[in-house]
C-alpha atoms as a PDB file:
ATOM      1  CA  MET A   1      77.810 144.452 107.931  1.00  0.00           C
ATOM      2  CA  THR A   2      80.825 142.551 109.309  1.00  0.00           C
ATOM      3  CA  TYR A   3      80.352 140.329 112.329  1.00  0.00           C
ATOM      4  CA  ILE A   4      82.972 141.062 115.017  1.00  0.00           C
ATOM      5  CA  SER A   5      83.691 138.478 117.670  1.00  0.00           C
ATOM      6  CA  ALA A   6      86.127 138.292 120.565  1.00  0.00           C
ATOM      7  CA  LYS A   7      86.938 134.715 119.563  1.00  0.00           C
ATOM      8  CA  PRO A   8      88.984 134.143 116.446  1.00  0.00           C
ATOM      9  CA  ALA A   9      87.435 131.993 113.755  1.00  0.00           C
ATOM     10  CA  ARG A  10      88.461 128.329 113.841  1.00  0.00           C
ATOM     11  CA  GLN A  11      91.049 127.447 111.280  1.00  0.00           C
ATOM     12  CA  ASP A  12      91.181 124.255 109.302  1.00  0.00           C
ATOM     13  CA  ALA A  13      94.054 121.881 109.993  1.00  0.00           C
ATOM     14  CA  GLU A  14      95.592 122.691 106.618  1.00  0.00           C
ATOM     15  CA  SER A  15      95.748 126.426 107.359  1.00  0.00           C
ATOM     16  CA  LEU A  16      97.412 126.068 110.761  1.00  0.00           C
ATOM     17  CA  PRO A  17     101.174 126.622 110.969  1.00  0.00           C
ATOM     18  CA  ALA A  18     103.414 123.571 111.176  1.00  0.00           C
ATOM     19  CA  ASN A  19     103.791 122.593 114.810  1.00  0.00           C
ATOM     20  CA  ASP A  20     104.674 119.164 116.169  1.00  0.00           C
ATOM     21  CA  ASN A  21     102.685 119.819 119.324  1.00  0.00           C
ATOM     22  CA  GLN A  22      99.412 120.068 117.452  1.00  0.00           C
ATOM     23  CA  PRO A  23      98.534 117.150 115.166  1.00  0.00           C
ATOM     24  CA  ALA A  24      97.112 117.974 111.772  1.00  0.00           C
ATOM     25  CA  THR A  25      93.987 115.956 112.536  1.00  0.00           C
ATOM     26  CA  LEU A  26      92.156 115.649 115.799  1.00  0.00           C
ATOM     27  CA  ALA A  27      92.955 112.403 117.589  1.00  0.00           C
ATOM     28  CA  ASP A  28      90.003 110.133 118.288  1.00  0.00           C
ATOM     29  CA  LEU A  29      90.620 109.133 121.891  1.00  0.00           C
ATOM     30  CA  SER A  30      87.360 107.385 122.630  1.00  0.00           C
ATOM     31  CA  PHE A  31      87.620 104.656 125.264  1.00  0.00           C
ATOM     32  CA  LEU A  32      84.727 102.835 123.599  1.00  0.00           C
ATOM     33  CA  ASP A  33      87.118 101.600 120.894  1.00  0.00           C
ATOM     34  CA  VAL A  34      89.206  99.799 123.527  1.00  0.00           C
ATOM     35  CA  ILE A  35      86.330  97.804 125.023  1.00  0.00           C
ATOM     36  CA  ASN A  36      86.160  94.260 123.673  1.00  0.00           C
ATOM     37  CA  ASP A  37      82.952  92.912 122.203  1.00  0.00           C
ATOM     38  CA  GLU A  38      80.897  90.326 124.081  1.00  0.00           C
ATOM     39  CA  ASP A  39      82.322  87.310 122.249  1.00  0.00           C
ATOM     40  CA  GLU A  40      85.882  88.200 123.217  1.00  0.00           C
ATOM     41  CA  VAL A  41      84.895  88.813 126.832  1.00  0.00           C
ATOM     42  CA  ALA A  42      83.064  85.471 126.983  1.00  0.00           C
ATOM     43  CA  ASP A  43      86.102  83.703 125.488  1.00  0.00           C
ATOM     44  CA  ILE A  44      88.412  85.281 128.078  1.00  0.00           C
ATOM     45  CA  ALA A  45      86.032  84.266 130.877  1.00  0.00           C
ATOM     46  CA  ARG A  46      85.879  80.668 129.595  1.00  0.00           C
ATOM     47  CA  ARG A  47      89.667  80.416 129.447  1.00  0.00           C
ATOM     48  CA  ALA A  48      90.013  81.906 132.947  1.00  0.00           C
ATOM     49  CA  GLU A  49      87.479  79.439 134.331  1.00  0.00           C
ATOM     50  CA  ARG A  50      89.279  76.482 132.721  1.00  0.00           C
ATOM     51  CA  LEU A  51      92.604  77.688 134.116  1.00  0.00           C
ATOM     52  CA  GLY A  52      91.030  78.030 137.557  1.00  0.00           C
ATOM     53  CA  HIS A  53      89.700  74.477 137.428  1.00  0.00           C
ATOM     54  CA  ALA A  54      93.079  73.108 136.321  1.00  0.00           C
ATOM     55  CA  THR A  55      94.800  75.016 139.124  1.00  0.00           C
ATOM     56  CA  LEU A  56      92.334  73.680 141.676  1.00  0.00           C
ATOM     57  CA  ILE A  57      92.880  70.085 140.523  1.00  0.00           C
ATOM     58  CA  ALA A  58      96.675  70.513 140.579  1.00  0.00           C
ATOM     59  CA  MET A  59      96.554  71.962 144.104  1.00  0.00           C
ATOM     60  CA  ALA A  60      94.313  69.135 145.343  1.00  0.00           C
ATOM     61  CA  ALA A  61      96.607  66.514 143.814  1.00  0.00           C
ATOM     62  CA  GLY A  62      99.643  68.172 145.367  1.00  0.00           C
ATOM     63  CA  LEU A  63      98.037  68.405 148.792  1.00  0.00           C
ATOM     64  CA  ALA A  64      97.069  64.725 148.619  1.00  0.00           C
ATOM     65  CA  ALA A  65     100.425  63.543 147.302  1.00  0.00           C
ATOM     66  CA  LEU A  66     102.631  65.496 149.710  1.00  0.00           C
ATOM     67  CA  PRO A  67     101.609  63.604 152.888  1.00  0.00           C
ATOM     68  CA  LEU A  68     101.896  60.281 151.043  1.00  0.00           C
ATOM     69  CA  LEU A  69     105.387  61.202 149.904  1.00  0.00           C
ATOM     70  CA  TYR A  70     106.303  62.171 153.470  1.00  0.00           C
ATOM     71  CA  LEU A  71     105.011  58.860 154.843  1.00  0.00           C
ATOM     72  CA  MET A  72     106.866  56.863 152.201  1.00  0.00           C
ATOM     73  CA  LEU A  73     110.169  58.614 152.917  1.00  0.00           C
ATOM     74  CA  ALA A  74     109.816  58.549 156.716  1.00  0.00           C
END
């Protein structure tokens, strides 16, 4: 007995006609591959914290030096 279905049977990628709109293999588009591992995230956080500290020190030095420069030039 032959099984009859309303859906056509799935074809392998090799048996499909050539079409640029359909890749020969299914693309793996998992977002889990994009997520960095914990070591990379920790390294990025350390660098961001160091940059924040350096920026804070530079701003404090600038805010302290600017009034002194004004008083010396006045």
